N, C-alpha and C. Protein backbone atom coordinates (compact mmCIF):
# COMPACT_ATOMS: atom_id res chain seq x y z
N UNK A 1 -14.27 11.36 -26.70
CA UNK A 1 -14.10 12.36 -25.65
C UNK A 1 -12.84 13.17 -25.93
N UNK A 2 -12.95 14.46 -25.91
CA UNK A 2 -11.80 15.33 -26.07
C UNK A 2 -11.10 15.46 -24.72
N UNK A 3 -9.88 14.99 -24.64
CA UNK A 3 -9.13 15.02 -23.39
C UNK A 3 -8.29 16.29 -23.34
N UNK A 4 -8.67 17.19 -22.45
CA UNK A 4 -7.94 18.45 -22.29
C UNK A 4 -6.82 18.33 -21.27
N UNK A 5 -7.01 17.48 -20.27
CA UNK A 5 -5.98 17.27 -19.26
C UNK A 5 -6.18 15.92 -18.60
N UNK A 6 -5.09 15.31 -18.18
CA UNK A 6 -5.13 14.03 -17.47
C UNK A 6 -3.89 13.96 -16.59
N UNK A 7 -4.09 13.62 -15.33
CA UNK A 7 -2.95 13.53 -14.42
C UNK A 7 -3.26 12.52 -13.32
N UNK A 8 -2.22 11.82 -12.90
CA UNK A 8 -2.38 10.96 -11.74
C UNK A 8 -2.20 11.83 -10.51
N UNK A 9 -3.21 11.86 -9.67
CA UNK A 9 -3.16 12.77 -8.52
C UNK A 9 -2.69 12.09 -7.26
N UNK A 10 -2.92 10.77 -7.14
CA UNK A 10 -2.47 10.07 -5.94
C UNK A 10 -2.57 8.57 -6.12
N UNK A 11 -1.76 7.87 -5.33
CA UNK A 11 -1.84 6.42 -5.20
C UNK A 11 -2.13 6.14 -3.74
N UNK A 12 -3.29 5.54 -3.49
CA UNK A 12 -3.79 5.43 -2.12
C UNK A 12 -3.88 3.98 -1.67
N UNK A 13 -3.75 3.78 -0.36
CA UNK A 13 -3.97 2.47 0.24
C UNK A 13 -5.00 2.53 1.36
N UNK A 14 -5.40 3.74 1.78
CA UNK A 14 -6.42 3.85 2.82
C UNK A 14 -7.31 5.06 2.56
N UNK A 15 -8.42 5.13 3.25
CA UNK A 15 -9.44 6.14 2.99
C UNK A 15 -8.93 7.57 3.19
N UNK A 16 -8.01 7.76 4.11
CA UNK A 16 -7.50 9.11 4.37
C UNK A 16 -6.79 9.69 3.16
N UNK A 17 -6.34 8.81 2.27
CA UNK A 17 -5.60 9.26 1.09
C UNK A 17 -6.49 9.46 -0.13
N UNK A 18 -7.75 9.09 -0.04
CA UNK A 18 -8.65 9.25 -1.20
C UNK A 18 -8.94 10.72 -1.45
N UNK A 19 -9.26 11.08 -2.70
CA UNK A 19 -9.70 12.45 -2.98
C UNK A 19 -10.95 12.78 -2.17
N UNK A 20 -11.06 14.04 -1.77
CA UNK A 20 -12.19 14.43 -0.91
C UNK A 20 -12.98 15.60 -1.48
N UNK A 21 -12.79 15.91 -2.78
CA UNK A 21 -13.47 17.07 -3.37
C UNK A 21 -14.89 16.76 -3.83
N UNK A 22 -15.30 15.49 -3.76
CA UNK A 22 -16.63 15.12 -4.23
C UNK A 22 -16.72 14.96 -5.73
N UNK A 23 -15.58 14.80 -6.40
CA UNK A 23 -15.55 14.62 -7.85
C UNK A 23 -15.92 13.17 -8.17
N UNK A 24 -16.79 12.93 -9.16
CA UNK A 24 -17.26 11.57 -9.45
C UNK A 24 -16.15 10.66 -9.97
N UNK A 25 -16.36 9.35 -9.75
CA UNK A 25 -15.35 8.37 -10.11
C UNK A 25 -15.96 7.19 -10.87
N UNK A 26 -15.20 6.68 -11.83
CA UNK A 26 -15.48 5.38 -12.45
C UNK A 26 -14.24 4.53 -12.20
N UNK A 27 -14.43 3.34 -11.63
CA UNK A 27 -13.30 2.48 -11.31
C UNK A 27 -13.14 1.38 -12.35
N UNK A 28 -11.91 0.89 -12.50
CA UNK A 28 -11.62 -0.22 -13.40
C UNK A 28 -11.02 -1.35 -12.58
N UNK A 29 -11.61 -2.55 -12.72
CA UNK A 29 -11.13 -3.73 -12.01
C UNK A 29 -10.86 -4.84 -13.00
N UNK A 30 -9.96 -5.75 -12.63
CA UNK A 30 -9.68 -6.87 -13.51
C UNK A 30 -8.43 -7.61 -13.10
N UNK A 31 -8.19 -8.74 -13.77
CA UNK A 31 -6.99 -9.52 -13.50
C UNK A 31 -5.73 -8.74 -13.85
N UNK A 32 -4.62 -9.18 -13.28
CA UNK A 32 -3.36 -8.46 -13.44
C UNK A 32 -2.94 -8.28 -14.89
N UNK A 33 -3.30 -9.23 -15.77
CA UNK A 33 -2.84 -9.17 -17.16
C UNK A 33 -3.96 -8.88 -18.15
N UNK A 34 -5.07 -8.31 -17.68
CA UNK A 34 -6.23 -8.15 -18.56
C UNK A 34 -6.14 -6.91 -19.45
N UNK A 35 -5.27 -5.98 -19.09
CA UNK A 35 -5.10 -4.79 -19.93
C UNK A 35 -5.77 -3.54 -19.43
N UNK A 36 -5.84 -3.35 -18.09
CA UNK A 36 -6.47 -2.14 -17.55
C UNK A 36 -5.73 -0.88 -17.99
N UNK A 37 -4.40 -0.93 -17.91
CA UNK A 37 -3.62 0.24 -18.32
C UNK A 37 -3.83 0.55 -19.79
N UNK A 38 -3.92 -0.48 -20.62
CA UNK A 38 -4.14 -0.28 -22.05
C UNK A 38 -5.51 0.35 -22.31
N UNK A 39 -6.52 -0.06 -21.57
CA UNK A 39 -7.85 0.53 -21.73
C UNK A 39 -7.84 2.00 -21.33
N UNK A 40 -7.19 2.31 -20.21
CA UNK A 40 -7.09 3.71 -19.79
C UNK A 40 -6.36 4.52 -20.84
N UNK A 41 -5.23 4.01 -21.32
CA UNK A 41 -4.48 4.72 -22.36
C UNK A 41 -5.30 4.87 -23.64
N UNK A 42 -6.08 3.83 -23.98
CA UNK A 42 -6.92 3.91 -25.16
C UNK A 42 -8.02 4.95 -25.03
N UNK A 43 -8.64 4.99 -23.86
CA UNK A 43 -9.69 5.99 -23.62
C UNK A 43 -9.14 7.41 -23.69
N UNK A 44 -7.91 7.58 -23.20
CA UNK A 44 -7.31 8.92 -23.18
C UNK A 44 -6.52 9.23 -24.44
N UNK A 45 -6.43 8.24 -25.35
CA UNK A 45 -5.68 8.39 -26.60
C UNK A 45 -4.21 8.75 -26.33
N UNK A 46 -3.65 8.09 -25.33
CA UNK A 46 -2.25 8.30 -24.97
C UNK A 46 -1.57 6.94 -24.85
N UNK A 47 -0.30 6.88 -25.21
CA UNK A 47 0.37 5.59 -25.28
C UNK A 47 0.84 5.08 -23.92
N UNK A 48 1.43 5.95 -23.12
CA UNK A 48 2.07 5.48 -21.89
C UNK A 48 1.64 6.26 -20.66
N UNK A 49 0.39 6.73 -20.66
CA UNK A 49 -0.07 7.50 -19.51
C UNK A 49 -0.19 6.60 -18.28
N UNK A 50 -0.94 5.52 -18.42
CA UNK A 50 -1.07 4.53 -17.34
C UNK A 50 -0.09 3.41 -17.63
N UNK A 51 0.72 3.07 -16.65
CA UNK A 51 1.76 2.07 -16.86
C UNK A 51 1.52 0.85 -15.98
N UNK A 52 1.94 -0.30 -16.50
CA UNK A 52 1.79 -1.53 -15.74
C UNK A 52 2.97 -1.71 -14.80
N UNK A 53 2.75 -2.47 -13.74
CA UNK A 53 3.82 -2.77 -12.80
C UNK A 53 4.83 -3.71 -13.46
N UNK A 54 6.11 -3.53 -13.13
CA UNK A 54 7.14 -4.43 -13.66
C UNK A 54 7.04 -5.82 -13.05
N UNK A 55 6.37 -5.90 -11.90
CA UNK A 55 6.15 -7.19 -11.24
C UNK A 55 4.66 -7.44 -11.14
N UNK A 56 4.07 -8.25 -12.04
CA UNK A 56 2.63 -8.47 -12.03
C UNK A 56 2.13 -8.96 -10.68
N UNK A 57 0.99 -8.41 -10.26
CA UNK A 57 0.38 -8.85 -9.02
C UNK A 57 0.91 -8.16 -7.79
N UNK A 58 1.94 -7.32 -7.93
CA UNK A 58 2.54 -6.68 -6.76
C UNK A 58 2.00 -5.28 -6.49
N UNK A 59 1.35 -4.69 -7.47
CA UNK A 59 0.81 -3.35 -7.26
C UNK A 59 -0.35 -3.41 -6.29
N UNK A 60 -0.22 -2.74 -5.17
CA UNK A 60 -1.26 -2.79 -4.15
C UNK A 60 -1.74 -1.40 -3.77
N UNK A 61 -1.76 -0.50 -4.75
CA UNK A 61 -2.29 0.84 -4.51
C UNK A 61 -3.46 1.09 -5.45
N UNK A 62 -4.31 2.02 -5.07
CA UNK A 62 -5.41 2.47 -5.91
C UNK A 62 -4.98 3.78 -6.53
N UNK A 63 -4.91 3.82 -7.85
CA UNK A 63 -4.42 5.00 -8.55
C UNK A 63 -5.58 5.85 -9.06
N UNK A 64 -5.56 7.13 -8.71
CA UNK A 64 -6.61 8.07 -9.10
C UNK A 64 -6.09 8.97 -10.22
N UNK A 65 -6.77 8.89 -11.39
CA UNK A 65 -6.41 9.72 -12.54
C UNK A 65 -7.49 10.78 -12.73
N UNK A 66 -7.12 12.04 -12.59
CA UNK A 66 -8.07 13.14 -12.76
C UNK A 66 -8.12 13.53 -14.24
N UNK A 67 -9.31 13.45 -14.82
CA UNK A 67 -9.49 13.71 -16.25
C UNK A 67 -10.29 15.00 -16.45
N UNK A 68 -9.71 15.92 -17.23
CA UNK A 68 -10.36 17.19 -17.57
C UNK A 68 -10.81 17.98 -16.33
N UNK A 69 -10.19 17.69 -15.19
CA UNK A 69 -10.56 18.34 -13.92
C UNK A 69 -12.04 18.15 -13.58
N UNK A 70 -12.66 17.10 -14.13
CA UNK A 70 -14.10 16.88 -13.94
C UNK A 70 -14.43 15.54 -13.29
N UNK A 71 -13.62 14.52 -13.55
CA UNK A 71 -13.93 13.20 -13.04
C UNK A 71 -12.66 12.38 -12.92
N UNK A 72 -12.77 11.29 -12.17
CA UNK A 72 -11.63 10.39 -11.97
C UNK A 72 -11.86 9.05 -12.66
N UNK A 73 -10.78 8.51 -13.23
CA UNK A 73 -10.67 7.08 -13.47
C UNK A 73 -9.90 6.53 -12.28
N UNK A 74 -10.40 5.45 -11.70
CA UNK A 74 -9.75 4.85 -10.55
C UNK A 74 -9.27 3.46 -10.93
N UNK A 75 -7.97 3.29 -10.98
CA UNK A 75 -7.35 2.02 -11.38
C UNK A 75 -7.15 1.17 -10.13
N UNK A 76 -7.98 0.13 -9.99
CA UNK A 76 -7.91 -0.74 -8.82
C UNK A 76 -6.82 -1.79 -9.02
N UNK A 77 -6.19 -2.25 -7.93
CA UNK A 77 -5.12 -3.24 -8.08
C UNK A 77 -5.60 -4.53 -8.72
N UNK A 78 -4.79 -5.07 -9.61
CA UNK A 78 -5.15 -6.30 -10.31
C UNK A 78 -5.16 -7.51 -9.39
N UNK A 79 -5.91 -8.51 -9.77
CA UNK A 79 -6.01 -9.72 -8.96
C UNK A 79 -5.71 -10.95 -9.81
N UNK A 80 -5.61 -12.10 -9.15
CA UNK A 80 -5.51 -13.37 -9.87
C UNK A 80 -4.13 -13.79 -10.29
N UNK A 81 -3.08 -13.07 -9.84
CA UNK A 81 -1.74 -13.47 -10.24
C UNK A 81 -1.30 -14.66 -9.39
N UNK A 82 -0.92 -15.75 -10.04
CA UNK A 82 -0.73 -17.04 -9.36
C UNK A 82 0.37 -17.01 -8.29
N UNK A 83 1.39 -16.19 -8.48
CA UNK A 83 2.54 -16.23 -7.57
C UNK A 83 2.36 -15.35 -6.33
N UNK A 84 1.24 -14.69 -6.22
CA UNK A 84 1.00 -13.83 -5.06
C UNK A 84 0.70 -14.70 -3.84
N UNK A 85 1.31 -14.36 -2.72
CA UNK A 85 1.12 -15.15 -1.50
C UNK A 85 -0.25 -14.89 -0.89
N UNK A 86 -0.61 -15.73 0.05
CA UNK A 86 -1.88 -15.57 0.76
C UNK A 86 -1.92 -14.24 1.49
N UNK A 87 -0.79 -13.84 2.07
CA UNK A 87 -0.72 -12.55 2.77
C UNK A 87 -0.98 -11.40 1.83
N UNK A 88 -0.38 -11.46 0.61
CA UNK A 88 -0.59 -10.41 -0.37
C UNK A 88 -2.06 -10.34 -0.80
N UNK A 89 -2.68 -11.52 -0.98
CA UNK A 89 -4.08 -11.56 -1.36
C UNK A 89 -4.96 -10.94 -0.27
N UNK A 90 -4.62 -11.17 0.97
CA UNK A 90 -5.38 -10.58 2.08
C UNK A 90 -5.22 -9.06 2.10
N UNK A 91 -4.03 -8.58 1.80
CA UNK A 91 -3.80 -7.13 1.71
C UNK A 91 -4.65 -6.53 0.59
N UNK A 92 -4.65 -7.24 -0.56
CA UNK A 92 -5.46 -6.78 -1.69
C UNK A 92 -6.93 -6.68 -1.29
N UNK A 93 -7.43 -7.73 -0.61
CA UNK A 93 -8.83 -7.74 -0.20
C UNK A 93 -9.17 -6.59 0.71
N UNK A 94 -8.27 -6.29 1.65
CA UNK A 94 -8.51 -5.19 2.58
C UNK A 94 -8.55 -3.84 1.88
N UNK A 95 -7.62 -3.63 0.96
CA UNK A 95 -7.56 -2.36 0.21
C UNK A 95 -8.83 -2.19 -0.63
N UNK A 96 -9.25 -3.26 -1.29
CA UNK A 96 -10.43 -3.20 -2.14
C UNK A 96 -11.69 -2.96 -1.32
N UNK A 97 -11.82 -3.66 -0.22
CA UNK A 97 -13.02 -3.52 0.60
C UNK A 97 -13.15 -2.12 1.17
N UNK A 98 -12.03 -1.55 1.61
CA UNK A 98 -12.07 -0.19 2.15
C UNK A 98 -12.53 0.81 1.10
N UNK A 99 -12.10 0.60 -0.15
CA UNK A 99 -12.51 1.53 -1.21
C UNK A 99 -13.97 1.36 -1.57
N UNK A 100 -14.43 0.13 -1.74
CA UNK A 100 -15.79 -0.12 -2.21
C UNK A 100 -16.85 0.20 -1.15
N UNK A 101 -16.46 0.21 0.10
CA UNK A 101 -17.43 0.42 1.17
C UNK A 101 -17.78 1.90 1.31
N UNK A 102 -19.03 2.23 1.01
CA UNK A 102 -19.55 3.59 1.21
C UNK A 102 -18.77 4.66 0.46
N UNK A 103 -18.42 4.39 -0.78
CA UNK A 103 -17.73 5.39 -1.60
C UNK A 103 -18.76 6.13 -2.44
N UNK A 104 -19.28 7.23 -1.91
CA UNK A 104 -20.38 7.96 -2.54
C UNK A 104 -20.02 8.47 -3.94
N UNK A 105 -18.76 8.81 -4.15
CA UNK A 105 -18.35 9.37 -5.44
C UNK A 105 -18.30 8.33 -6.55
N UNK A 106 -18.30 7.07 -6.19
CA UNK A 106 -18.14 6.00 -7.17
C UNK A 106 -19.46 5.75 -7.90
N UNK A 107 -19.48 5.99 -9.20
CA UNK A 107 -20.70 5.90 -10.00
C UNK A 107 -20.92 4.51 -10.59
N UNK A 108 -19.85 3.85 -10.99
CA UNK A 108 -19.94 2.52 -11.60
C UNK A 108 -18.55 1.92 -11.66
N UNK A 109 -18.50 0.61 -11.91
CA UNK A 109 -17.23 -0.09 -12.01
C UNK A 109 -17.16 -0.84 -13.34
N UNK A 110 -16.07 -0.65 -14.06
CA UNK A 110 -15.82 -1.42 -15.27
C UNK A 110 -15.05 -2.67 -14.87
N UNK A 111 -15.63 -3.83 -15.12
CA UNK A 111 -14.95 -5.09 -14.84
C UNK A 111 -14.37 -5.61 -16.15
N UNK A 112 -13.06 -5.64 -16.25
CA UNK A 112 -12.39 -6.03 -17.49
C UNK A 112 -12.11 -7.54 -17.49
N UNK A 113 -12.47 -8.17 -18.60
CA UNK A 113 -12.17 -9.59 -18.80
C UNK A 113 -11.61 -9.75 -20.21
N UNK A 114 -10.76 -10.74 -20.38
CA UNK A 114 -10.17 -11.03 -21.69
C UNK A 114 -11.21 -11.77 -22.53
N UNK A 115 -11.59 -11.19 -23.68
CA UNK A 115 -12.66 -11.77 -24.49
C UNK A 115 -12.32 -13.18 -24.98
N UNK A 116 -11.05 -13.52 -25.05
CA UNK A 116 -10.64 -14.82 -25.61
C UNK A 116 -10.88 -15.98 -24.66
N UNK A 117 -11.02 -15.68 -23.38
CA UNK A 117 -11.10 -16.74 -22.38
C UNK A 117 -12.34 -16.59 -21.51
N UNK A 118 -12.85 -17.69 -21.01
CA UNK A 118 -13.96 -17.63 -20.07
C UNK A 118 -13.50 -16.91 -18.80
N UNK A 119 -14.38 -16.13 -18.18
CA UNK A 119 -14.05 -15.51 -16.90
C UNK A 119 -13.63 -16.56 -15.87
N UNK A 120 -12.68 -16.20 -15.03
CA UNK A 120 -12.18 -17.11 -14.01
C UNK A 120 -13.02 -17.01 -12.74
N UNK A 121 -12.70 -17.87 -11.78
CA UNK A 121 -13.36 -17.81 -10.47
C UNK A 121 -13.09 -16.46 -9.81
N UNK A 122 -11.89 -15.89 -10.03
CA UNK A 122 -11.58 -14.57 -9.47
C UNK A 122 -12.45 -13.49 -10.11
N UNK A 123 -12.68 -13.60 -11.42
CA UNK A 123 -13.55 -12.63 -12.10
C UNK A 123 -14.97 -12.71 -11.54
N UNK A 124 -15.45 -13.93 -11.34
CA UNK A 124 -16.79 -14.12 -10.79
C UNK A 124 -16.88 -13.54 -9.37
N UNK A 125 -15.83 -13.76 -8.58
CA UNK A 125 -15.80 -13.21 -7.23
C UNK A 125 -15.84 -11.68 -7.27
N UNK A 126 -15.08 -11.08 -8.19
CA UNK A 126 -15.06 -9.62 -8.30
C UNK A 126 -16.42 -9.10 -8.73
N UNK A 127 -17.03 -9.77 -9.69
CA UNK A 127 -18.38 -9.39 -10.15
C UNK A 127 -19.36 -9.43 -8.98
N UNK A 128 -19.33 -10.51 -8.23
CA UNK A 128 -20.25 -10.64 -7.09
C UNK A 128 -19.97 -9.60 -6.02
N UNK A 129 -18.69 -9.28 -5.84
CA UNK A 129 -18.30 -8.28 -4.85
C UNK A 129 -18.85 -6.90 -5.24
N UNK A 130 -18.72 -6.57 -6.51
CA UNK A 130 -19.24 -5.29 -7.01
C UNK A 130 -20.74 -5.19 -6.75
N UNK A 131 -21.45 -6.26 -7.05
CA UNK A 131 -22.90 -6.26 -6.86
C UNK A 131 -23.26 -6.21 -5.37
N UNK A 132 -22.46 -6.90 -4.54
CA UNK A 132 -22.70 -6.91 -3.10
C UNK A 132 -22.65 -5.50 -2.53
N UNK A 133 -21.72 -4.70 -3.02
CA UNK A 133 -21.58 -3.33 -2.51
C UNK A 133 -22.53 -2.36 -3.19
N UNK A 134 -23.35 -2.86 -4.11
CA UNK A 134 -24.42 -2.06 -4.68
C UNK A 134 -24.05 -1.18 -5.85
N UNK A 135 -22.95 -1.47 -6.52
CA UNK A 135 -22.52 -0.64 -7.65
C UNK A 135 -22.96 -1.26 -8.97
N UNK A 136 -23.15 -0.41 -9.97
CA UNK A 136 -23.46 -0.89 -11.31
C UNK A 136 -22.17 -1.44 -11.92
N UNK A 137 -22.26 -2.62 -12.53
CA UNK A 137 -21.10 -3.27 -13.13
C UNK A 137 -21.24 -3.28 -14.64
N UNK A 138 -20.25 -2.72 -15.31
CA UNK A 138 -20.18 -2.76 -16.77
C UNK A 138 -19.01 -3.66 -17.15
N UNK A 139 -19.31 -4.77 -17.80
CA UNK A 139 -18.25 -5.71 -18.17
C UNK A 139 -17.63 -5.27 -19.49
N UNK A 140 -16.31 -5.15 -19.49
CA UNK A 140 -15.57 -4.73 -20.68
C UNK A 140 -14.71 -5.90 -21.14
N UNK A 141 -15.01 -6.41 -22.33
CA UNK A 141 -14.25 -7.52 -22.90
C UNK A 141 -13.10 -6.95 -23.71
N UNK A 142 -11.88 -7.14 -23.23
CA UNK A 142 -10.69 -6.55 -23.86
C UNK A 142 -10.09 -7.47 -24.93
N UNK A 143 -9.14 -6.91 -25.68
CA UNK A 143 -8.33 -7.66 -26.65
C UNK A 143 -9.17 -8.26 -27.78
N UNK A 144 -10.19 -7.52 -28.20
CA UNK A 144 -11.10 -8.02 -29.25
C UNK A 144 -10.40 -8.18 -30.59
N UNK A 145 -9.27 -7.51 -30.78
CA UNK A 145 -8.53 -7.65 -32.05
C UNK A 145 -7.90 -9.03 -32.19
N UNK A 146 -7.90 -9.81 -31.11
CA UNK A 146 -7.27 -11.13 -31.13
C UNK A 146 -8.20 -12.22 -31.68
N UNK A 147 -9.48 -11.88 -31.86
CA UNK A 147 -10.42 -12.85 -32.44
C UNK A 147 -11.17 -12.16 -33.59
N UNK A 148 -11.86 -12.94 -34.41
CA UNK A 148 -12.62 -12.36 -35.52
C UNK A 148 -13.95 -11.81 -35.01
N UNK A 149 -14.50 -10.85 -35.72
CA UNK A 149 -15.78 -10.25 -35.33
C UNK A 149 -16.88 -11.31 -35.30
N UNK A 150 -16.76 -12.31 -36.16
CA UNK A 150 -17.77 -13.36 -36.20
C UNK A 150 -17.82 -14.19 -34.93
N UNK A 151 -16.77 -14.12 -34.12
CA UNK A 151 -16.71 -14.88 -32.88
C UNK A 151 -17.17 -14.06 -31.66
N UNK A 152 -17.41 -12.77 -31.86
CA UNK A 152 -17.74 -11.90 -30.73
C UNK A 152 -18.90 -12.45 -29.90
N UNK A 153 -20.02 -12.73 -30.56
CA UNK A 153 -21.23 -13.09 -29.82
C UNK A 153 -21.05 -14.38 -29.03
N UNK A 154 -20.35 -15.33 -29.61
CA UNK A 154 -20.07 -16.59 -28.91
C UNK A 154 -19.34 -16.32 -27.60
N UNK A 155 -18.34 -15.45 -27.65
CA UNK A 155 -17.55 -15.16 -26.45
C UNK A 155 -18.33 -14.28 -25.48
N UNK A 156 -19.13 -13.37 -26.00
CA UNK A 156 -19.98 -12.55 -25.12
C UNK A 156 -20.95 -13.45 -24.35
N UNK A 157 -21.54 -14.40 -25.04
CA UNK A 157 -22.47 -15.32 -24.37
C UNK A 157 -21.78 -16.12 -23.28
N UNK A 158 -20.54 -16.55 -23.55
CA UNK A 158 -19.79 -17.31 -22.55
C UNK A 158 -19.49 -16.45 -21.32
N UNK A 159 -19.15 -15.18 -21.55
CA UNK A 159 -18.87 -14.25 -20.45
C UNK A 159 -20.13 -14.05 -19.60
N UNK A 160 -21.24 -13.82 -20.27
CA UNK A 160 -22.50 -13.60 -19.56
C UNK A 160 -22.88 -14.82 -18.72
N UNK A 161 -22.70 -15.99 -19.29
CA UNK A 161 -23.07 -17.21 -18.58
C UNK A 161 -22.17 -17.47 -17.38
N UNK A 162 -20.87 -17.31 -17.56
CA UNK A 162 -19.93 -17.58 -16.47
C UNK A 162 -20.11 -16.61 -15.30
N UNK A 163 -20.37 -15.34 -15.61
CA UNK A 163 -20.55 -14.36 -14.55
C UNK A 163 -21.98 -14.34 -14.01
N UNK A 164 -22.88 -15.02 -14.73
CA UNK A 164 -24.31 -15.02 -14.36
C UNK A 164 -24.82 -13.57 -14.30
N UNK A 165 -24.60 -12.86 -15.41
CA UNK A 165 -24.92 -11.45 -15.47
C UNK A 165 -26.43 -11.21 -15.53
N UNK A 166 -26.85 -10.08 -14.99
CA UNK A 166 -28.24 -9.65 -15.12
C UNK A 166 -28.50 -9.24 -16.57
N UNK A 167 -29.75 -9.35 -17.00
CA UNK A 167 -30.10 -9.06 -18.39
C UNK A 167 -29.82 -7.62 -18.79
N UNK A 168 -29.95 -6.69 -17.85
CA UNK A 168 -29.78 -5.27 -18.19
C UNK A 168 -28.32 -4.83 -18.16
N UNK A 169 -27.40 -5.72 -17.82
CA UNK A 169 -25.99 -5.37 -17.76
C UNK A 169 -25.33 -5.62 -19.12
N UNK A 170 -24.41 -4.73 -19.45
CA UNK A 170 -23.80 -4.76 -20.78
C UNK A 170 -22.42 -5.41 -20.78
N UNK A 171 -22.08 -6.00 -21.93
CA UNK A 171 -20.71 -6.41 -22.21
C UNK A 171 -20.22 -5.52 -23.34
N UNK A 172 -19.22 -4.70 -23.05
CA UNK A 172 -18.66 -3.79 -24.03
C UNK A 172 -17.41 -4.43 -24.64
N UNK A 173 -17.42 -4.62 -25.95
CA UNK A 173 -16.28 -5.25 -26.65
C UNK A 173 -15.29 -4.17 -27.06
N UNK A 174 -14.02 -4.35 -26.67
CA UNK A 174 -13.02 -3.31 -26.94
C UNK A 174 -11.69 -3.90 -27.38
N UNK A 175 -10.94 -3.07 -28.07
CA UNK A 175 -9.52 -3.31 -28.34
C UNK A 175 -8.84 -1.95 -28.31
N UNK A 176 -7.94 -1.76 -27.37
CA UNK A 176 -7.25 -0.47 -27.25
C UNK A 176 -6.33 -0.23 -28.44
N UNK A 177 -5.65 -1.28 -28.91
CA UNK A 177 -4.69 -1.11 -30.00
C UNK A 177 -5.38 -0.78 -31.32
N UNK A 178 -6.58 -1.32 -31.54
CA UNK A 178 -7.31 -1.08 -32.79
C UNK A 178 -8.45 -0.08 -32.62
N UNK A 179 -8.59 0.46 -31.39
CA UNK A 179 -9.63 1.44 -31.08
C UNK A 179 -11.05 0.89 -31.30
N UNK A 180 -11.20 -0.40 -31.13
CA UNK A 180 -12.52 -1.02 -31.25
C UNK A 180 -13.32 -0.75 -29.98
N UNK A 181 -14.51 -0.19 -30.14
CA UNK A 181 -15.42 0.00 -29.02
C UNK A 181 -15.06 1.12 -28.05
N UNK A 182 -14.02 1.89 -28.32
CA UNK A 182 -13.59 2.93 -27.38
C UNK A 182 -14.61 4.06 -27.32
N UNK A 183 -15.12 4.49 -28.48
CA UNK A 183 -16.13 5.55 -28.50
C UNK A 183 -17.40 5.11 -27.78
N UNK A 184 -17.81 3.87 -28.00
CA UNK A 184 -19.02 3.34 -27.34
C UNK A 184 -18.81 3.24 -25.83
N UNK A 185 -17.59 2.90 -25.42
CA UNK A 185 -17.30 2.82 -23.98
C UNK A 185 -17.35 4.21 -23.35
N UNK A 186 -16.87 5.22 -24.07
CA UNK A 186 -16.99 6.59 -23.57
C UNK A 186 -18.45 6.97 -23.39
N UNK A 187 -19.30 6.62 -24.36
CA UNK A 187 -20.73 6.91 -24.25
C UNK A 187 -21.30 6.31 -22.96
N UNK A 188 -20.91 5.09 -22.68
CA UNK A 188 -21.41 4.38 -21.50
C UNK A 188 -20.90 5.04 -20.22
N UNK A 189 -19.63 5.42 -20.20
CA UNK A 189 -19.05 6.07 -19.02
C UNK A 189 -19.75 7.38 -18.72
N UNK A 190 -19.92 8.20 -19.73
CA UNK A 190 -20.59 9.50 -19.53
C UNK A 190 -22.03 9.29 -19.09
N UNK A 191 -22.69 8.29 -19.65
CA UNK A 191 -24.07 7.98 -19.25
C UNK A 191 -24.14 7.61 -17.77
N UNK A 192 -23.17 6.85 -17.29
CA UNK A 192 -23.16 6.46 -15.87
C UNK A 192 -22.97 7.68 -14.97
N UNK A 193 -22.12 8.60 -15.37
CA UNK A 193 -21.96 9.82 -14.59
C UNK A 193 -23.27 10.60 -14.54
N UNK A 194 -23.92 10.71 -15.68
CA UNK A 194 -25.17 11.48 -15.75
C UNK A 194 -26.28 10.82 -14.92
N UNK A 195 -26.33 9.49 -14.93
CA UNK A 195 -27.33 8.79 -14.12
C UNK A 195 -27.17 9.07 -12.64
N UNK A 196 -25.93 9.39 -12.25
CA UNK A 196 -25.65 9.68 -10.85
C UNK A 196 -25.72 11.17 -10.54
N UNK A 197 -26.23 11.95 -11.50
CA UNK A 197 -26.47 13.37 -11.25
C UNK A 197 -25.31 14.30 -11.54
N UNK A 198 -24.29 13.82 -12.24
CA UNK A 198 -23.14 14.66 -12.56
C UNK A 198 -23.19 15.10 -14.02
N UNK A 199 -22.79 16.33 -14.27
CA UNK A 199 -22.73 16.85 -15.63
C UNK A 199 -21.28 16.81 -16.11
N UNK A 200 -21.05 16.08 -17.18
CA UNK A 200 -19.72 15.93 -17.73
C UNK A 200 -19.66 16.59 -19.10
N UNK A 201 -18.62 17.41 -19.33
CA UNK A 201 -18.45 18.01 -20.65
C UNK A 201 -17.97 16.94 -21.62
N UNK A 202 -18.85 16.58 -22.54
CA UNK A 202 -18.57 15.46 -23.44
C UNK A 202 -18.37 16.00 -24.85
N UNK A 203 -17.12 16.23 -25.21
CA UNK A 203 -16.79 16.68 -26.55
C UNK A 203 -16.26 15.50 -27.34
N UNK A 204 -17.04 15.03 -28.28
CA UNK A 204 -16.61 13.87 -29.06
C UNK A 204 -15.51 14.26 -30.04
N UNK A 205 -14.57 13.35 -30.19
CA UNK A 205 -13.52 13.54 -31.20
C UNK A 205 -13.85 12.69 -32.41
N UNK A 206 -13.32 13.06 -33.56
CA UNK A 206 -13.54 12.31 -34.78
C UNK A 206 -12.40 11.31 -34.94
N UNK A 207 -12.75 10.01 -34.98
CA UNK A 207 -11.73 8.97 -35.12
C UNK A 207 -11.05 9.05 -36.48
């Protein structure tokens, strides 16, 4: 994808702060250390566009990134950080539920999991939550450069089994640092926008 412009337009905690122009959205969800910012930076071919919080698990805003003035990447707050209090977890749940409930602009959700490890109970909960609200879930296995290609299928099978994924749902293998699977992930993202009736200008770049 040729990125002509990218900007963070807002960080929201309630519906009144969400964009209201009717521009389509793809959201990214995952554990606090799974690499959501790295995936966003990899997709945009920028090093430090999306930044991680200095205190893992404390970011409790939904960040909206406007890409090419055509669509949003929505960075959802990370979950699963062990030191977060029960009160913080409840705040996270409320923020997430408000966003996922009746968000017409939301076309699909990328659920990021670390390819090296089996999905956690929190990952399974997030997967089930996405399905409960009726959204298409695309599982993105990050950090693929940390294992050999010969191990990919073994880990993909483990991810599918732990999440109890539907047969038609995909696991996209990626590495932001090595640009593994980034082009294929763009294809999938654009396809999801098109399935929802949006036309996206898709100019492929040569790696």
